[in-house]
């Protein structure tokens, strides 16, 4: 019996020793870890991101300020006087600008330059300007141009010389690439010429026509045509088909009530139909009677001519590489 009692005593002593080791610092044993609070497969919530700042579209007051700054910086009017802003579409508008020239013209009666603008997300963009003193025939807005640039324009009786500049868009004041002076011939209001300009480094720019005060030579009105600089080869016209087919009579193609021209061309993004009246020196009176900018579906020009039309019809196709034309011929509608 003594051996069994000794063994039991030894086991009791070992158990007490183990318990003592677990509580050697005198404090209670650490409790088991708490179970996770999130159910399996769920994600703990995070702090929501801050709201995006609201972008406020530019105001009409900013449009007026943009028009004045453009006419001062790019055109050269020293003291532009702005009229009120007026909407012309959901995102477009116009501002009339006059030049305040001391001892020369009253701003309330001086020549007007109308600035057209488009509202972008944060700023207003100038689409161009026009003035009654200068009617620009060529180039037209967004035309692709290359040097030397052929220019056609008509001016009022008071403008004998018209300065023309080609500029390239850039941040701040635009870069001037070339300039020339166009002079009227005799009593004709029409002028033509060429403006040579150096190679641009950007894709877009302006052709700026100005009239100046006869008193002190300051700029007092302007026509600004926004253009693109050519890249690559000019477009090529492959075929032109009219519907219905135009019938010739007494040397003139007879126009129906409605006529369409289907134009097949390469490297072209748009096309336009141009009517030039008959007579001498009528290029300055030409006008675009139809235009198509949907090159992806083929270029189609549809025109409803007025009764009594008599003139010369031609087609121009435009693309990144320039402009290509084709004559249709003399046309008439009784």
Protein backbone atom coordinates (compact mmCIF):
# COMPACT_ATOMS: atom_id res chain seq x y z
CA UNK A 1 0.00 0.00 0.00
CA UNK A 2 2.93 2.40 0.61
CA UNK A 3 3.97 2.55 -3.04
CA UNK A 4 0.52 3.47 -4.22
CA UNK A 5 0.24 6.22 -1.60
CA UNK A 6 3.62 7.65 -2.67
CA UNK A 7 2.57 7.78 -6.30
CA UNK A 8 -0.68 9.63 -5.44
CA UNK A 9 1.23 12.13 -3.32
CA UNK A 10 3.65 12.83 -6.19
CA UNK A 11 0.81 13.47 -8.66
CA UNK A 12 -0.86 15.90 -6.23
CA UNK A 13 2.36 17.90 -5.84
CA UNK A 14 2.86 18.12 -9.63
CA UNK A 15 -0.71 19.42 -10.13
CA UNK A 16 -0.19 22.19 -7.58
CA UNK A 17 3.09 23.16 -9.29
CA UNK A 18 1.39 23.50 -12.70
CA UNK A 19 -1.36 25.70 -11.30
CA UNK A 20 1.22 27.90 -9.64
CA UNK A 21 3.09 28.38 -12.90
CA UNK A 22 -0.12 29.61 -14.59
CA UNK A 23 -0.64 32.29 -11.90
CA UNK A 24 2.93 33.29 -11.14
CA UNK A 25 2.21 37.09 -11.43
CA UNK A 26 -0.54 36.82 -8.91
CA UNK A 27 -3.32 37.82 -11.36
CA UNK A 28 -6.03 35.71 -12.88
CA UNK A 29 -5.42 33.76 -16.10
CA UNK A 30 -6.12 35.52 -19.46
CA UNK A 31 -9.64 34.91 -20.70
CA UNK A 32 -10.14 33.38 -24.16
CA UNK A 33 -10.23 35.73 -27.18
CA UNK A 34 -13.62 37.18 -28.00
CA UNK A 35 -15.26 35.85 -31.20
CA UNK A 36 -15.27 38.20 -34.24
CA UNK A 37 -18.18 40.61 -34.35
CA UNK A 38 -18.62 40.42 -38.15
CA UNK A 39 -20.25 37.46 -39.68
CA UNK A 40 -18.11 35.44 -42.12
CA UNK A 41 -18.10 36.90 -45.64
CA UNK A 42 -18.99 40.48 -44.61
CA UNK A 43 -16.86 43.64 -44.93
CA UNK A 44 -16.46 46.13 -42.15
CA UNK A 45 -18.03 49.53 -42.96
CA UNK A 46 -15.65 52.31 -44.11
CA UNK A 47 -15.85 56.10 -44.02
CA UNK A 48 -17.69 57.41 -47.15
CA UNK A 49 -15.53 59.52 -49.54
CA UNK A 50 -16.02 63.27 -49.43
CA UNK A 51 -18.51 64.63 -52.00
CA UNK A 52 -17.07 65.89 -55.27
CA UNK A 53 -16.94 69.66 -55.59
CA UNK A 54 -19.74 71.15 -57.67
CA UNK A 55 -18.50 72.65 -60.96
CA UNK A 56 -20.25 75.93 -61.59
CA UNK A 57 -20.65 76.79 -65.29
CA UNK A 58 -19.15 80.16 -66.25
CA UNK A 59 -21.56 83.08 -65.97
CA UNK A 60 -22.66 85.54 -68.63
CA UNK A 61 -20.56 88.20 -66.91
CA UNK A 62 -17.54 85.99 -67.53
CA UNK A 63 -18.57 85.74 -71.19
CA UNK A 64 -18.50 89.54 -71.49
CA UNK A 65 -15.10 89.64 -69.79
CA UNK A 66 -13.79 86.94 -72.17
CA UNK A 67 -15.01 88.87 -75.22
CA UNK A 68 -13.34 92.09 -74.05
CA UNK A 69 -10.09 90.33 -73.19
CA UNK A 70 -10.01 88.59 -76.58
CA UNK A 71 -10.57 91.81 -78.53
CA UNK A 72 -7.88 93.58 -76.51
CA UNK A 73 -5.28 90.79 -76.51
CA UNK A 74 -5.74 89.13 -79.93
CA UNK A 75 -7.29 91.83 -82.11
CA UNK A 76 -5.52 94.89 -80.70
CA UNK A 77 -8.41 97.13 -79.64
CA UNK A 78 -6.92 99.26 -76.87
CA UNK A 79 -10.11 100.14 -75.02
CA UNK A 80 -12.98 97.78 -75.92
CA UNK A 81 -16.47 98.72 -74.77
CA UNK A 82 -18.84 95.76 -74.35
CA UNK A 83 -22.59 95.61 -74.71
CA UNK A 84 -24.82 93.11 -72.86
CA UNK A 85 -24.57 89.37 -73.39
CA UNK A 86 -27.32 87.70 -75.42
CA UNK A 87 -27.98 83.98 -75.79
CA UNK A 88 -28.05 82.47 -79.29
CA UNK A 89 -28.41 78.83 -78.20
CA UNK A 90 -28.32 76.56 -75.16
CA UNK A 91 -24.54 76.97 -74.82
CA UNK A 92 -23.71 79.84 -77.19
CA UNK A 93 -24.05 83.60 -77.09
CA UNK A 94 -22.81 86.90 -78.49
CA UNK A 95 -21.36 90.16 -77.20
CA UNK A 96 -21.07 93.39 -79.21
CA UNK A 97 -17.77 95.22 -78.84
CA UNK A 98 -16.98 98.81 -79.83
CA UNK A 99 -13.64 100.59 -79.66
CA UNK A 100 -13.43 103.71 -77.51
CA UNK A 101 -11.03 105.95 -79.43
CA UNK A 102 -10.58 109.44 -77.95
CA UNK A 103 -11.54 112.32 -80.27
CA UNK A 104 -12.47 109.89 -83.02
CA UNK A 105 -15.63 107.90 -82.43
CA UNK A 106 -18.41 107.72 -79.91
CA UNK A 107 -18.62 104.15 -78.55
CA UNK A 108 -22.38 104.31 -78.90
CA UNK A 109 -22.10 104.97 -82.63
CA UNK A 110 -18.79 103.36 -83.61
CA UNK A 111 -18.35 100.20 -85.73
CA UNK A 112 -19.47 97.02 -83.98
CA UNK A 113 -17.57 93.76 -83.78
CA UNK A 114 -19.84 90.90 -82.70
CA UNK A 115 -18.02 88.23 -80.70
CA UNK A 116 -19.54 84.72 -80.78
CA UNK A 117 -18.81 82.47 -77.79
CA UNK A 118 -19.45 78.92 -76.65
CA UNK A 119 -19.77 77.95 -73.00
CA UNK A 120 -17.52 75.04 -72.02
CA UNK A 121 -17.37 73.33 -68.63
CA UNK A 122 -15.30 76.01 -66.90
CA UNK A 123 -14.64 78.78 -69.43
CA UNK A 124 -16.06 80.58 -72.46
CA UNK A 125 -14.46 79.90 -75.85
CA UNK A 126 -14.42 82.50 -78.64
CA UNK A 127 -15.80 81.00 -81.88
CA UNK A 128 -14.98 84.08 -83.97
CA UNK A 129 -16.08 87.64 -84.66
CA UNK A 130 -17.79 89.52 -87.47
CA UNK A 131 -18.28 93.16 -88.38
CA UNK A 132 -20.33 94.99 -91.00
CA UNK A 133 -17.20 96.67 -92.31
CA UNK A 134 -15.63 93.39 -93.52
CA UNK A 135 -17.33 90.47 -95.27
CA UNK A 136 -14.94 87.52 -95.47
CA UNK A 137 -15.60 85.15 -98.38
CA UNK A 138 -12.55 82.94 -97.96
CA UNK A 139 -11.42 81.32 -95.74
CA UNK A 140 -14.59 80.19 -94.01
CA UNK A 141 -14.88 79.08 -90.37
CA UNK A 142 -13.02 75.86 -89.56
CA UNK A 143 -11.45 75.64 -93.03
CA UNK A 144 -8.15 73.74 -93.21
CA UNK A 145 -5.52 76.19 -94.46
CA UNK A 146 -1.92 76.07 -95.65
CA UNK A 147 0.63 78.70 -96.67
CA UNK A 148 0.27 80.79 -98.75
CA UNK A 149 -3.36 81.44 -97.83
CA UNK A 150 -5.60 82.87 -100.55
CA UNK A 151 -7.96 85.51 -99.16
CA UNK A 152 -11.18 86.99 -100.55
CA UNK A 153 -13.10 89.72 -98.73
CA UNK A 154 -15.29 92.76 -99.30
CA UNK A 155 -14.96 95.93 -97.27
CA UNK A 156 -17.00 99.05 -96.66
CA UNK A 157 -16.30 102.31 -98.45
CA UNK A 158 -14.27 103.68 -95.56
CA UNK A 159 -11.60 100.93 -95.49
CA UNK A 160 -8.93 101.32 -98.19
CA UNK A 161 -6.38 98.97 -96.60
CA UNK A 162 -7.14 95.89 -94.50
CA UNK A 163 -4.39 94.28 -92.39
CA UNK A 164 -4.64 90.45 -92.26
CA UNK A 165 -2.83 88.24 -89.75
CA UNK A 166 -2.58 84.47 -89.32
CA UNK A 167 -2.15 83.38 -85.70
CA UNK A 168 -1.77 80.08 -83.89
CA UNK A 169 -3.71 79.27 -80.73
CA UNK A 170 -1.69 78.90 -77.55
CA UNK A 171 -1.99 79.69 -73.84
CA UNK A 172 -1.90 83.45 -73.37
CA UNK A 173 -1.49 85.71 -76.39
CA UNK A 174 -1.68 83.77 -79.66
CA UNK A 175 1.46 83.36 -81.80
CA UNK A 176 1.56 85.38 -85.04
CA UNK A 177 2.69 83.26 -87.99
CA UNK A 178 2.38 85.77 -90.83
CA UNK A 179 0.69 88.97 -92.00
CA UNK A 180 -0.10 91.03 -95.10
CA UNK A 181 -1.95 94.17 -96.19
CA UNK A 182 -4.82 93.90 -98.66
CA UNK A 183 -5.66 97.00 -100.73
CA UNK A 184 -8.87 97.80 -102.61
CA UNK A 185 -8.65 98.35 -106.32
CA UNK A 186 -10.12 101.68 -107.55
CA UNK A 187 -13.75 102.01 -106.44
CA UNK A 188 -14.33 98.29 -105.91
CA UNK A 189 -15.13 97.12 -102.38
CA UNK A 190 -13.56 93.75 -103.14
CA UNK A 191 -10.03 92.74 -102.28
CA UNK A 192 -7.97 89.60 -102.68
CA UNK A 193 -4.44 88.48 -101.97
CA UNK A 194 -2.25 85.94 -100.25
CA UNK A 195 -0.86 85.68 -96.75
CA UNK A 196 2.31 83.64 -96.35
CA UNK A 197 2.92 82.21 -92.90
CA UNK A 198 5.50 79.99 -91.28
CA UNK A 199 4.87 76.40 -90.34
CA UNK A 200 2.59 76.10 -87.29
CA UNK A 201 3.35 73.85 -84.35
CA UNK A 202 -0.29 73.51 -83.27
CA UNK A 203 -3.51 72.37 -84.96
CA UNK A 204 -5.71 75.48 -84.73
CA UNK A 205 -5.55 79.22 -85.19
CA UNK A 206 -7.25 82.33 -86.56
CA UNK A 207 -7.22 84.62 -89.57
CA UNK A 208 -7.78 88.18 -88.32
CA UNK A 209 -9.02 91.02 -90.54
CA UNK A 210 -9.02 94.50 -88.98
CA UNK A 211 -10.09 98.01 -89.88
CA UNK A 212 -8.34 101.01 -88.36
CA UNK A 213 -9.28 104.53 -87.41
CA UNK A 214 -8.43 107.18 -89.97
CA UNK A 215 -7.65 109.56 -87.14
CA UNK A 216 -4.89 107.76 -85.25
CA UNK A 217 -4.53 104.31 -86.86
CA UNK A 218 -5.89 102.36 -83.91
CA UNK A 219 -7.87 99.16 -84.50
CA UNK A 220 -11.60 99.72 -84.19
CA UNK A 221 -13.28 96.60 -85.65
CA UNK A 222 -12.38 93.08 -86.72
CA UNK A 223 -13.53 89.88 -88.37
CA UNK A 224 -11.89 86.78 -86.89
CA UNK A 225 -12.18 83.43 -88.69
CA UNK A 226 -11.25 80.36 -86.68
CA UNK A 227 -9.31 77.86 -88.86
CA UNK A 228 -7.40 74.60 -88.71
CA UNK A 229 -3.91 74.04 -90.12
CA UNK A 230 -3.55 71.28 -92.68
CA UNK A 231 -1.97 67.94 -91.88
CA UNK A 232 -1.30 65.32 -94.54
CA UNK A 233 -2.55 65.12 -98.13
CA UNK A 234 -5.62 67.02 -99.42
CA UNK A 235 -8.84 65.10 -100.09
CA UNK A 236 -9.61 63.64 -103.49
CA UNK A 237 -13.02 63.66 -105.19
CA UNK A 238 -13.69 60.30 -106.82
CA UNK A 239 -17.25 60.81 -108.08
CA UNK A 240 -20.19 63.22 -107.96
CA UNK A 241 -23.70 62.03 -108.83
CA UNK A 242 -26.82 64.20 -108.89
CA UNK A 243 -30.36 63.09 -108.19
CA UNK A 244 -32.26 63.68 -110.37
CA UNK A 245 -29.80 63.91 -113.25
CA UNK A 246 -29.54 67.53 -114.38
CA UNK A 247 -30.65 68.18 -117.96
CA UNK A 248 -28.89 70.80 -120.09
CA UNK A 249 -30.90 73.40 -121.98
CA UNK A 250 -29.41 76.32 -123.94
CA UNK A 251 -26.06 75.74 -122.25
CA UNK A 252 -27.46 75.75 -118.69
CA UNK A 253 -28.15 72.85 -116.37
CA UNK A 254 -31.81 73.03 -115.40
CA UNK A 255 -32.49 72.89 -111.68
CA UNK A 256 -35.51 71.00 -110.29
CA UNK A 257 -37.38 71.95 -107.14
CA UNK A 258 -34.98 69.81 -105.07
CA UNK A 259 -31.60 68.43 -106.13
CA UNK A 260 -29.13 66.23 -104.25
CA UNK A 261 -25.47 65.53 -104.95
CA UNK A 262 -23.85 62.33 -103.68
CA UNK A 263 -20.11 62.94 -103.27
CA UNK A 264 -17.57 60.13 -103.04
CA UNK A 265 -14.21 61.34 -101.77
CA UNK A 266 -11.15 60.19 -99.86
CA UNK A 267 -9.65 61.92 -96.81
CA UNK A 268 -12.74 64.18 -96.59
CA UNK A 269 -14.70 65.06 -93.46
CA UNK A 270 -17.26 67.45 -94.97
CA UNK A 271 -18.52 68.90 -98.24
CA UNK A 272 -20.32 72.05 -99.33
CA UNK A 273 -22.20 73.26 -102.38
CA UNK A 274 -21.30 76.78 -103.53
CA UNK A 275 -23.33 79.07 -105.78
CA UNK A 276 -21.60 81.98 -107.52
CA UNK A 277 -23.71 84.55 -109.41
CA UNK A 278 -22.99 85.16 -113.07
CA UNK A 279 -20.98 88.17 -114.19
CA UNK A 280 -17.54 89.67 -113.73
CA UNK A 281 -15.89 89.73 -110.32
CA UNK A 282 -18.64 87.75 -108.68
CA UNK A 283 -16.41 85.45 -106.64
CA UNK A 284 -16.91 87.81 -103.70
CA UNK A 285 -20.67 87.18 -103.87
CA UNK A 286 -20.49 83.38 -103.72
CA UNK A 287 -22.41 81.62 -100.96
CA UNK A 288 -22.72 78.16 -99.46
CA UNK A 289 -26.17 76.77 -100.28
CA UNK A 290 -25.75 73.26 -98.80
CA UNK A 291 -23.30 71.52 -96.48
CA UNK A 292 -22.81 68.04 -95.04
CA UNK A 293 -20.55 67.07 -92.14
CA UNK A 294 -21.55 63.40 -91.80
CA UNK A 295 -18.67 61.83 -93.70
CA UNK A 296 -19.22 58.46 -92.04
CA UNK A 297 -22.49 58.02 -93.95
CA UNK A 298 -21.18 59.46 -97.23
CA UNK A 299 -21.37 63.12 -98.20
CA UNK A 300 -24.74 64.21 -99.52
CA UNK A 301 -25.67 67.79 -100.43
CA UNK A 302 -29.37 68.64 -100.78
CA UNK A 303 -30.52 72.03 -102.12
CA UNK A 304 -33.88 73.70 -102.76
CA UNK A 305 -33.04 76.50 -105.23
CA UNK A 306 -35.21 79.61 -105.50
CA UNK A 307 -37.04 80.41 -108.71
CA UNK A 308 -35.04 82.48 -111.16
CA UNK A 309 -31.64 81.22 -109.95
CA UNK A 310 -28.86 81.79 -112.48
CA UNK A 311 -25.25 81.14 -111.57
CA UNK A 312 -22.31 78.78 -111.39
CA UNK A 313 -22.36 75.73 -109.12
CA UNK A 314 -19.34 74.00 -107.60
CA UNK A 315 -18.53 71.48 -104.87
CA UNK A 316 -15.78 71.65 -102.27
CA UNK A 317 -14.67 68.77 -100.04
CA UNK A 318 -12.60 69.46 -96.94
CA UNK A 319 -10.41 67.30 -94.77
CA UNK A 320 -7.39 67.50 -92.47
CA UNK A 321 -5.15 67.90 -95.53
CA UNK A 322 -6.95 70.86 -97.11
CA UNK A 323 -9.70 71.62 -99.64
CA UNK A 324 -10.43 70.21 -103.11
CA UNK A 325 -13.05 71.56 -105.52
CA UNK A 326 -14.96 70.43 -108.59
CA UNK A 327 -17.12 72.49 -110.94
CA UNK A 328 -20.68 71.40 -111.68
CA UNK A 329 -21.34 74.11 -114.27
CA UNK A 330 -23.79 76.90 -115.01
CA UNK A 331 -27.26 76.32 -113.53
CA UNK A 332 -30.67 77.89 -113.96
CA UNK A 333 -34.11 77.50 -112.46
CA UNK A 334 -37.07 79.09 -114.16
